[in-house]
Protein backbone atom coordinates (compact mmCIF):
# COMPACT_ATOMS: atom_id res chain seq x y z
CA UNK A 1 -86.86 6.85 51.05
CA UNK A 2 -87.89 4.54 48.22
CA UNK A 3 -91.16 3.72 50.01
CA UNK A 4 -91.89 7.42 50.59
CA UNK A 5 -91.20 8.12 46.94
CA UNK A 6 -93.52 5.34 45.82
CA UNK A 7 -96.19 6.62 48.19
CA UNK A 8 -95.92 10.12 46.77
CA UNK A 9 -96.16 8.74 43.22
CA UNK A 10 -99.28 6.78 44.19
CA UNK A 11 -100.90 9.89 45.67
CA UNK A 12 -100.06 11.88 42.56
CA UNK A 13 -101.58 9.20 40.33
CA UNK A 14 -104.74 9.12 42.45
CA UNK A 15 -105.06 12.91 42.25
CA UNK A 16 -104.67 12.91 38.47
CA UNK A 17 -107.06 9.98 38.03
CA UNK A 18 -109.78 11.80 39.96
CA UNK A 19 -109.66 14.81 37.63
CA UNK A 20 -112.27 14.67 34.88
CA UNK A 21 -111.77 18.10 33.33
CA UNK A 22 -110.98 18.10 29.60
CA UNK A 23 -108.11 20.50 30.07
CA UNK A 24 -104.54 20.49 31.31
CA UNK A 25 -101.28 18.92 30.18
CA UNK A 26 -100.88 15.36 28.89
CA UNK A 27 -97.34 14.17 28.20
CA UNK A 28 -96.71 11.68 25.38
CA UNK A 29 -93.34 10.00 24.88
CA UNK A 30 -92.12 8.48 21.62
CA UNK A 31 -88.88 7.87 19.79
CA UNK A 32 -87.28 10.98 18.37
CA UNK A 33 -88.25 10.18 14.77
CA UNK A 34 -91.85 9.29 15.63
CA UNK A 35 -92.11 12.39 17.81
CA UNK A 36 -90.82 14.60 15.00
CA UNK A 37 -92.63 12.99 12.05
CA UNK A 38 -95.89 11.45 13.30
CA UNK A 39 -96.96 13.23 16.48
CA UNK A 40 -97.31 16.79 15.13
CA UNK A 41 -100.35 15.87 13.03
CA UNK A 42 -101.93 14.18 16.06
CA UNK A 43 -101.32 17.24 18.24
CA UNK A 44 -102.85 19.40 15.51
CA UNK A 45 -106.02 17.29 15.47
CA UNK A 46 -106.21 17.34 19.24
CA UNK A 47 -105.87 21.13 19.34
CA UNK A 48 -108.88 21.43 17.05
CA UNK A 49 -110.95 18.84 18.95
CA UNK A 50 -110.08 19.76 22.55
CA UNK A 51 -108.49 23.24 22.72
CA UNK A 52 -108.25 23.06 26.51
CA UNK A 53 -105.72 20.24 26.33
CA UNK A 54 -101.99 20.85 26.06
CA UNK A 55 -99.76 18.03 24.80
CA UNK A 56 -96.17 17.79 25.96
CA UNK A 57 -94.16 15.71 23.48
CA UNK A 58 -91.33 13.81 25.17
CA UNK A 59 -88.87 12.81 22.42
CA UNK A 60 -86.64 10.02 23.67
CA UNK A 61 -85.24 6.79 22.27
CA UNK A 62 -85.34 5.29 25.79
CA UNK A 63 -88.44 3.76 27.37
CA UNK A 64 -90.07 6.39 29.56
CA UNK A 65 -90.92 5.23 33.08
CA UNK A 66 -94.68 5.67 33.16
CA UNK A 67 -94.91 4.55 36.77
CA UNK A 68 -92.74 7.49 37.79
CA UNK A 69 -94.73 9.86 35.54
CA UNK A 70 -91.93 10.52 33.05
CA UNK A 71 -94.88 10.52 30.63
CA UNK A 72 -98.61 9.86 30.79
CA UNK A 73 -98.74 7.90 27.51
CA UNK A 74 -95.99 6.19 25.53
CA UNK A 75 -95.73 5.10 21.90
CA UNK A 76 -93.53 2.01 21.98
CA UNK A 77 -92.41 -0.96 19.91
CA UNK A 78 -92.65 -3.38 22.87
CA UNK A 79 -95.68 -4.40 24.99
CA UNK A 80 -95.93 -3.28 28.62
CA UNK A 81 -94.30 -5.63 31.13
CA UNK A 82 -95.37 -4.11 34.46
CA UNK A 83 -98.83 -5.09 35.80
CA UNK A 84 -99.59 -1.42 36.55
CA UNK A 85 -99.42 -0.58 32.84
CA UNK A 86 -101.92 -1.33 30.09
CA UNK A 87 -101.32 -1.25 26.36
CA UNK A 88 -103.08 -1.41 23.04
CA UNK A 89 -101.46 -3.00 20.00
CA UNK A 90 -102.18 -0.62 17.13
CA UNK A 91 -100.59 -2.34 14.14
CA UNK A 92 -97.41 -3.76 12.65
CA UNK A 93 -95.02 -1.39 10.92
CA UNK A 94 -92.00 -2.00 8.70
CA UNK A 95 -88.51 -0.58 8.34
CA UNK A 96 -86.00 -0.77 5.51
CA UNK A 97 -82.52 0.41 4.66
CA UNK A 98 -81.87 3.83 3.14
CA UNK A 99 -79.03 6.02 1.92
CA UNK A 100 -78.75 9.49 0.46
CA UNK A 101 -78.97 9.92 -3.30
CA UNK A 102 -75.44 11.35 -3.31
CA UNK A 103 -74.14 8.24 -1.51
CA UNK A 104 -75.83 5.97 -4.09
CA UNK A 105 -74.37 8.00 -6.95
CA UNK A 106 -70.89 7.65 -5.45
CA UNK A 107 -71.04 4.00 -4.32
CA UNK A 108 -73.68 2.35 -6.48
CA UNK A 109 -77.05 0.88 -5.50
CA UNK A 110 -76.64 -2.19 -3.27
CA UNK A 111 -79.57 -4.59 -3.62
CA UNK A 112 -78.83 -7.86 -1.84
CA UNK A 113 -77.52 -8.87 1.56
CA UNK A 114 -74.25 -9.89 -0.11
CA UNK A 115 -73.90 -6.36 -1.51
CA UNK A 116 -73.89 -5.00 2.05
CA UNK A 117 -70.39 -6.41 2.58
CA UNK A 118 -68.93 -3.59 0.46
CA UNK A 119 -71.01 -0.76 1.98
CA UNK A 120 -70.52 1.75 4.77
CA UNK A 121 -73.16 2.05 7.49
CA UNK A 122 -74.11 4.60 10.12
CA UNK A 123 -73.90 2.85 13.49
CA UNK A 124 -76.10 3.22 16.55
CA UNK A 125 -73.80 2.05 19.36
CA UNK A 126 -70.17 1.08 19.80
CA UNK A 127 -70.97 -1.86 22.06
CA UNK A 128 -71.79 -4.11 19.10
CA UNK A 129 -75.52 -4.55 19.73
CA UNK A 130 -76.57 -2.90 16.46
CA UNK A 131 -73.92 -4.82 14.52
CA UNK A 132 -75.15 -8.09 16.02
CA UNK A 133 -78.73 -7.19 15.12
CA UNK A 134 -77.79 -6.48 11.49
CA UNK A 135 -75.89 -9.75 11.33
CA UNK A 136 -79.00 -11.56 12.60
CA UNK A 137 -80.83 -10.09 9.63
CA UNK A 138 -78.35 -11.84 7.36
CA UNK A 139 -76.09 -8.88 6.53
CA UNK A 140 -72.40 -9.93 6.42
CA UNK A 141 -71.07 -6.83 8.19
CA UNK A 142 -68.01 -6.07 10.29
CA UNK A 143 -67.32 -3.24 12.71
CA UNK A 144 -64.93 -1.56 10.25
CA UNK A 145 -67.90 -0.79 7.97
CA UNK A 146 -69.37 1.77 10.37
CA UNK A 147 -68.26 5.20 9.20
CA UNK A 148 -69.76 6.97 12.25
CA UNK A 149 -72.14 6.46 15.15
CA UNK A 150 -75.16 8.23 16.64
CA UNK A 151 -77.26 6.81 19.47
CA UNK A 152 -80.22 9.16 18.93
CA UNK A 153 -82.69 8.83 16.07
CA UNK A 154 -82.60 12.36 14.67
CA UNK A 155 -78.80 12.51 14.73
CA UNK A 156 -78.56 9.05 13.14
CA UNK A 157 -80.89 10.09 10.33
CA UNK A 158 -79.01 13.37 9.81
CA UNK A 159 -75.81 11.40 9.25
CA UNK A 160 -77.56 9.16 6.72
CA UNK A 161 -78.93 12.20 4.90
CA UNK A 162 -75.42 13.71 4.86
CA UNK A 163 -74.19 10.75 2.81
CA UNK A 164 -72.15 8.99 5.48
CA UNK A 165 -73.62 5.55 4.93
CA UNK A 166 -76.67 3.31 5.07
CA UNK A 167 -79.17 3.49 7.93
CA UNK A 168 -82.40 1.75 8.87
CA UNK A 169 -85.62 3.71 9.17
CA UNK A 170 -89.35 3.16 9.56
CA UNK A 171 -90.63 3.16 5.97
CA UNK A 172 -93.48 5.62 6.37
CA UNK A 173 -91.14 8.26 7.83
CA UNK A 174 -89.18 8.46 4.57
CA UNK A 175 -91.97 8.98 2.04
CA UNK A 176 -91.47 12.75 1.74
CA UNK A 177 -87.67 12.77 1.32
CA UNK A 178 -86.76 12.86 -2.40
CA UNK A 179 -83.02 12.87 -1.66
CA UNK A 180 -83.23 9.50 0.13
CA UNK A 181 -83.10 6.17 -1.74
CA UNK A 182 -84.22 2.73 -0.59
CA UNK A 183 -81.25 0.34 -0.74
CA UNK A 184 -80.77 -3.35 0.04
CA UNK A 185 -84.30 -3.71 -1.27
CA UNK A 186 -83.92 -7.48 -1.74
CA UNK A 187 -83.46 -7.82 2.04
CA UNK A 188 -86.86 -8.49 3.69
CA UNK A 189 -88.16 -5.48 5.65
CA UNK A 190 -87.96 -5.48 9.42
CA UNK A 191 -91.40 -5.90 10.98
CA UNK A 192 -92.20 -4.50 14.42
CA UNK A 193 -95.33 -3.66 16.45
CA UNK A 194 -96.57 -0.24 17.52
CA UNK A 195 -97.99 -0.18 21.04
CA UNK A 196 -99.75 2.58 22.93
CA UNK A 197 -99.16 2.31 26.68
CA UNK A 198 -100.39 4.17 29.76
CA UNK A 199 -100.74 3.65 33.49
CA UNK A 200 -103.77 1.59 34.47
CA UNK A 201 -104.74 4.18 37.09
CA UNK A 202 -104.74 7.02 34.56
CA UNK A 203 -106.73 5.38 31.77
CA UNK A 204 -110.04 6.57 33.24
CA UNK A 205 -108.88 10.19 33.48
CA UNK A 206 -110.86 12.07 30.88
CA UNK A 207 -108.06 14.12 29.38
CA UNK A 208 -105.67 11.17 29.20
CA UNK A 209 -108.35 8.90 27.75
CA UNK A 210 -109.11 11.53 25.10
CA UNK A 211 -105.46 11.81 24.04
CA UNK A 212 -104.97 8.04 24.21
CA UNK A 213 -107.98 7.37 21.97
CA UNK A 214 -106.99 10.03 19.43
CA UNK A 215 -103.44 8.67 19.31
CA UNK A 216 -104.80 5.18 18.76
CA UNK A 217 -107.08 6.38 15.97
CA UNK A 218 -104.35 8.43 14.26
CA UNK A 219 -101.50 5.92 14.52
CA UNK A 220 -103.54 2.82 13.70
CA UNK A 221 -102.95 3.41 9.98
CA UNK A 222 -99.65 4.22 8.26
CA UNK A 223 -98.98 7.93 7.69
CA UNK A 224 -100.08 9.04 4.26
């Protein structure tokens, strides 16, 4: 059954790759926050440039399986590992720590890593992976400091905005939020890459190449 499924996927990829029309649907996966904050402007540009193309935005904080066509193109923070996939490194982005203005007014403005020991945080998972990651960054945190948890980006950010604690966020996604304050600003920002990934067999398809190239052009510079 697995072999038949792989064969069907290969036939589907071959059929898509042979299509050179500049019309149809192209699916693009990205994290929930990137999908909500960065991709709309790219879709708007694409609609003006190629009105026959329809973009399906797949908002997920998991890595979409491009080999099984969960998406045609993926915006990721890790390079492709499978030989069937190809990627382009667009740039390096940064993330910092943020809290709502009401939280800062109630609890003060923590600046240093040592200050984090007295703060509440919005967690990502209850398995301890996020806690361990924050500890690797030099923050002296314990599990009791998580006031709540959310394993999806939009929900996590909503809890931060509601004043439930400190959360990490990609810096350029916070520029238009006046009620959000940068905290722990003496802690060095987290640096991470932005990759654009697609299936090697689809890269020559005209509609996918068009969307891929416009995504690369639009995401290569930080959002204004």
